[in-house]
């Protein structure tokens, strides 16, 4: 049962949202932009290890990518798939390496790494991803208990920026490595980013 926090007037229902970044593919390990591939073996073993520490979820969601759904399965989660949790759409850059883009489209790569409004050819911008993350958070305000969302680093960063009310230019200052967990809490009034430690 979700925890109930009593305010001065009305009780508030606590929402715990664990945003879990999926594992990565071999192409991503080789510094490439992801296509829709399966997890590499190291990510599989790390996900199995994380599953031991993951509390039972009341609600579970996952991005539609193969790697997100495989990660959820390794975590012992049976999620509903949500398109708004999808990774940034890299368009024509999908499956290509950073090294290749440094040779063929250095201006585009520089713009992607500095301008939140820039979108790779036929892809979407950081601004677009952050908007999806904000919409997801708004919807989760009405959830109850512990929600787990297996998604991707770009979506996790977008959610963190929304909670901190930080500018989108801070997107590249947040590190969301494979299988990291972002712990957010909603107390009926606002979202907060929660650190982990012994209490």
Protein backbone atom coordinates (compact mmCIF):
# COMPACT_ATOMS: atom_id res chain seq x y z
CA UNK A 1 0.00 0.00 0.00
CA UNK A 2 1.39 3.44 -0.89
CA UNK A 3 2.69 5.51 2.01
CA UNK A 4 0.36 8.28 3.17
CA UNK A 5 1.86 11.58 4.27
CA UNK A 6 -0.45 13.84 6.25
CA UNK A 7 -0.16 17.54 5.58
CA UNK A 8 -1.80 20.34 7.52
CA UNK A 9 -5.09 19.90 5.68
CA UNK A 10 -5.31 16.97 3.28
CA UNK A 11 -3.36 13.71 3.27
CA UNK A 12 -0.94 13.36 0.36
CA UNK A 13 -0.17 10.14 -1.42
CA UNK A 14 3.52 9.50 -2.01
CA UNK A 15 4.67 8.33 -5.43
CA UNK A 16 8.08 6.73 -5.80
CA UNK A 17 9.35 6.69 -9.37
CA UNK A 18 12.45 4.65 -10.20
CA UNK A 19 13.72 5.51 -13.67
CA UNK A 20 16.09 2.77 -14.78
CA UNK A 21 18.32 3.26 -17.78
CA UNK A 22 18.44 0.22 -20.02
CA UNK A 23 21.58 -1.72 -20.65
CA UNK A 24 23.52 -1.02 -23.83
CA UNK A 25 24.20 -2.80 -27.10
CA UNK A 26 27.58 -3.75 -28.51
CA UNK A 27 27.35 -0.86 -30.98
CA UNK A 28 26.84 1.57 -28.10
CA UNK A 29 29.79 0.03 -26.28
CA UNK A 30 31.81 0.90 -29.41
CA UNK A 31 30.66 4.54 -29.15
CA UNK A 32 27.94 4.34 -31.76
CA UNK A 33 24.45 5.79 -31.86
CA UNK A 34 21.99 3.02 -31.01
CA UNK A 35 19.91 1.13 -33.49
CA UNK A 36 17.25 -1.24 -32.14
CA UNK A 37 19.58 -4.08 -31.13
CA UNK A 38 19.76 -6.58 -28.28
CA UNK A 39 21.77 -6.07 -25.11
CA UNK A 40 25.45 -6.88 -24.94
CA UNK A 41 26.46 -9.61 -22.48
CA UNK A 42 27.90 -7.32 -19.78
CA UNK A 43 24.62 -5.39 -19.58
CA UNK A 44 22.74 -8.66 -19.17
CA UNK A 45 24.84 -9.64 -16.14
CA UNK A 46 24.58 -6.16 -14.60
CA UNK A 47 20.79 -6.19 -14.97
CA UNK A 48 20.55 -9.56 -13.21
CA UNK A 49 22.63 -8.14 -10.35
CA UNK A 50 20.43 -5.03 -10.11
CA UNK A 51 17.29 -7.18 -9.97
CA UNK A 52 18.35 -8.50 -6.56
CA UNK A 53 18.24 -4.97 -5.11
CA UNK A 54 15.11 -3.75 -6.87
CA UNK A 55 12.03 -3.53 -4.68
CA UNK A 56 8.73 -4.93 -5.91
CA UNK A 57 7.02 -2.40 -8.15
CA UNK A 58 3.34 -1.56 -8.04
CA UNK A 59 3.37 -0.35 -11.64
CA UNK A 60 5.98 -1.03 -14.34
CA UNK A 61 6.59 0.58 -17.73
CA UNK A 62 9.25 0.19 -20.39
CA UNK A 63 10.31 1.89 -23.57
CA UNK A 64 9.51 -0.09 -26.73
CA UNK A 65 13.15 -0.70 -27.73
CA UNK A 66 14.52 -4.23 -27.66
CA UNK A 67 17.19 -3.32 -25.12
CA UNK A 68 14.67 -1.70 -22.74
CA UNK A 69 12.30 -4.66 -22.89
CA UNK A 70 15.18 -7.12 -22.45
CA UNK A 71 16.42 -5.11 -19.46
CA UNK A 72 12.95 -5.20 -17.90
CA UNK A 73 12.80 -8.96 -18.37
CA UNK A 74 16.18 -9.44 -16.69
CA UNK A 75 14.95 -7.28 -13.80
CA UNK A 76 11.96 -9.56 -13.37
CA UNK A 77 9.55 -6.83 -14.49
CA UNK A 78 6.52 -7.35 -16.73
CA UNK A 79 5.98 -3.80 -17.99
CA UNK A 80 3.44 -2.01 -20.10
CA UNK A 81 5.23 -0.51 -23.11
CA UNK A 82 5.04 3.27 -23.54
CA UNK A 83 6.21 5.17 -26.61
CA UNK A 84 6.88 8.32 -24.56
CA UNK A 85 9.72 6.47 -22.78
CA UNK A 86 11.55 5.89 -26.10
CA UNK A 87 15.16 6.92 -26.46
CA UNK A 88 15.95 10.04 -28.44
CA UNK A 89 15.27 9.33 -32.11
CA UNK A 90 18.65 9.76 -33.79
CA UNK A 91 17.15 9.53 -37.25
CA UNK A 92 19.76 8.97 -39.95
CA UNK A 93 22.48 8.82 -37.30
CA UNK A 94 21.11 5.58 -35.84
CA UNK A 95 23.67 2.78 -36.00
CA UNK A 96 26.51 5.13 -36.94
CA UNK A 97 29.61 5.74 -34.84
CA UNK A 98 30.79 9.01 -33.36
CA UNK A 99 34.04 8.59 -35.27
CA UNK A 100 32.15 8.36 -38.56
CA UNK A 101 30.05 11.44 -37.78
CA UNK A 102 33.15 13.38 -36.77
CA UNK A 103 34.35 12.79 -40.34
CA UNK A 104 31.11 13.21 -42.27
CA UNK A 105 29.02 15.68 -40.23
CA UNK A 106 31.24 17.46 -37.67
CA UNK A 107 29.05 20.59 -37.61
CA UNK A 108 25.93 18.55 -36.96
CA UNK A 109 27.63 16.57 -34.20
CA UNK A 110 28.84 19.78 -32.54
CA UNK A 111 25.33 21.26 -32.73
CA UNK A 112 23.82 18.10 -31.20
CA UNK A 113 26.26 18.32 -28.28
CA UNK A 114 25.48 21.98 -27.50
CA UNK A 115 22.07 23.03 -28.84
CA UNK A 116 18.98 21.42 -27.22
CA UNK A 117 16.87 22.46 -30.21
CA UNK A 118 19.06 20.69 -32.78
CA UNK A 119 17.75 17.42 -34.19
CA UNK A 120 19.80 14.87 -36.17
CA UNK A 121 18.53 14.47 -39.75
CA UNK A 122 15.04 12.85 -39.60
CA UNK A 123 15.41 12.60 -35.80
CA UNK A 124 14.31 14.53 -32.73
CA UNK A 125 15.93 17.13 -30.51
CA UNK A 126 16.78 17.11 -26.81
CA UNK A 127 13.94 19.61 -26.40
CA UNK A 128 11.54 17.02 -27.82
CA UNK A 129 12.80 14.28 -25.48
CA UNK A 130 12.62 16.58 -22.46
CA UNK A 131 9.04 17.41 -23.38
CA UNK A 132 8.11 13.72 -23.42
CA UNK A 133 9.80 13.21 -20.03
CA UNK A 134 7.90 16.17 -18.57
CA UNK A 135 4.60 14.78 -19.84
CA UNK A 136 5.37 11.39 -18.29
CA UNK A 137 6.12 12.99 -14.92
CA UNK A 138 2.88 14.95 -15.05
CA UNK A 139 0.94 11.75 -15.62
CA UNK A 140 2.77 9.89 -12.84
CA UNK A 141 1.55 12.48 -10.31
CA UNK A 142 -1.68 10.50 -10.29
CA UNK A 143 0.00 7.12 -9.76
CA UNK A 144 0.18 5.32 -6.44
CA UNK A 145 3.00 3.45 -4.77
CA UNK A 146 6.24 2.45 -6.49
CA UNK A 147 6.45 3.01 -10.25
CA UNK A 148 9.37 1.56 -12.21
CA UNK A 149 10.13 2.89 -15.69
CA UNK A 150 12.81 1.17 -17.78
CA UNK A 151 13.87 3.73 -20.33
CA UNK A 152 16.99 5.44 -21.66
CA UNK A 153 19.54 7.98 -20.53
CA UNK A 154 18.08 10.85 -22.55
CA UNK A 155 14.65 10.41 -20.94
CA UNK A 156 16.16 10.13 -17.46
CA UNK A 157 18.12 13.35 -18.04
CA UNK A 158 14.98 15.09 -19.26
CA UNK A 159 13.12 14.03 -16.11
CA UNK A 160 15.93 15.25 -13.86
CA UNK A 161 15.98 18.63 -15.61
CA UNK A 162 12.23 18.93 -15.13
CA UNK A 163 12.40 18.11 -11.41
CA UNK A 164 15.28 20.53 -10.83
CA UNK A 165 13.74 23.21 -13.06
CA UNK A 166 17.14 23.35 -14.77
CA UNK A 167 17.83 24.72 -18.26
CA UNK A 168 17.98 22.26 -21.13
CA UNK A 169 21.61 23.25 -21.74
CA UNK A 170 22.39 21.30 -18.53
CA UNK A 171 21.39 18.09 -20.35
CA UNK A 172 25.00 17.29 -21.22
CA UNK A 173 26.15 17.82 -17.62
CA UNK A 174 24.15 14.85 -16.33
CA UNK A 175 25.63 11.36 -16.54
CA UNK A 176 23.09 8.54 -16.82
CA UNK A 177 25.14 5.39 -17.41
CA UNK A 178 23.65 2.03 -18.36
CA UNK A 179 21.46 0.51 -15.62
CA UNK A 180 21.66 3.55 -13.37
CA UNK A 181 18.58 4.28 -11.24
CA UNK A 182 17.15 7.78 -10.85
CA UNK A 183 14.96 7.91 -7.74
CA UNK A 184 12.22 10.55 -7.81
CA UNK A 185 9.51 11.15 -5.19
CA UNK A 186 6.22 13.05 -5.50
CA UNK A 187 4.63 14.10 -2.21
CA UNK A 188 1.39 15.52 -3.59
CA UNK A 189 2.92 18.94 -4.18
CA UNK A 190 6.19 18.53 -6.05
CA UNK A 191 8.73 16.06 -7.38
CA UNK A 192 12.11 15.78 -5.64
CA UNK A 193 15.29 13.99 -6.62
CA UNK A 194 16.31 11.60 -3.86
CA UNK A 195 19.84 10.50 -3.09
CA UNK A 196 20.60 7.10 -1.61
CA UNK A 197 22.20 6.31 1.70
CA UNK A 198 21.69 4.58 5.01
CA UNK A 199 18.98 6.16 7.19
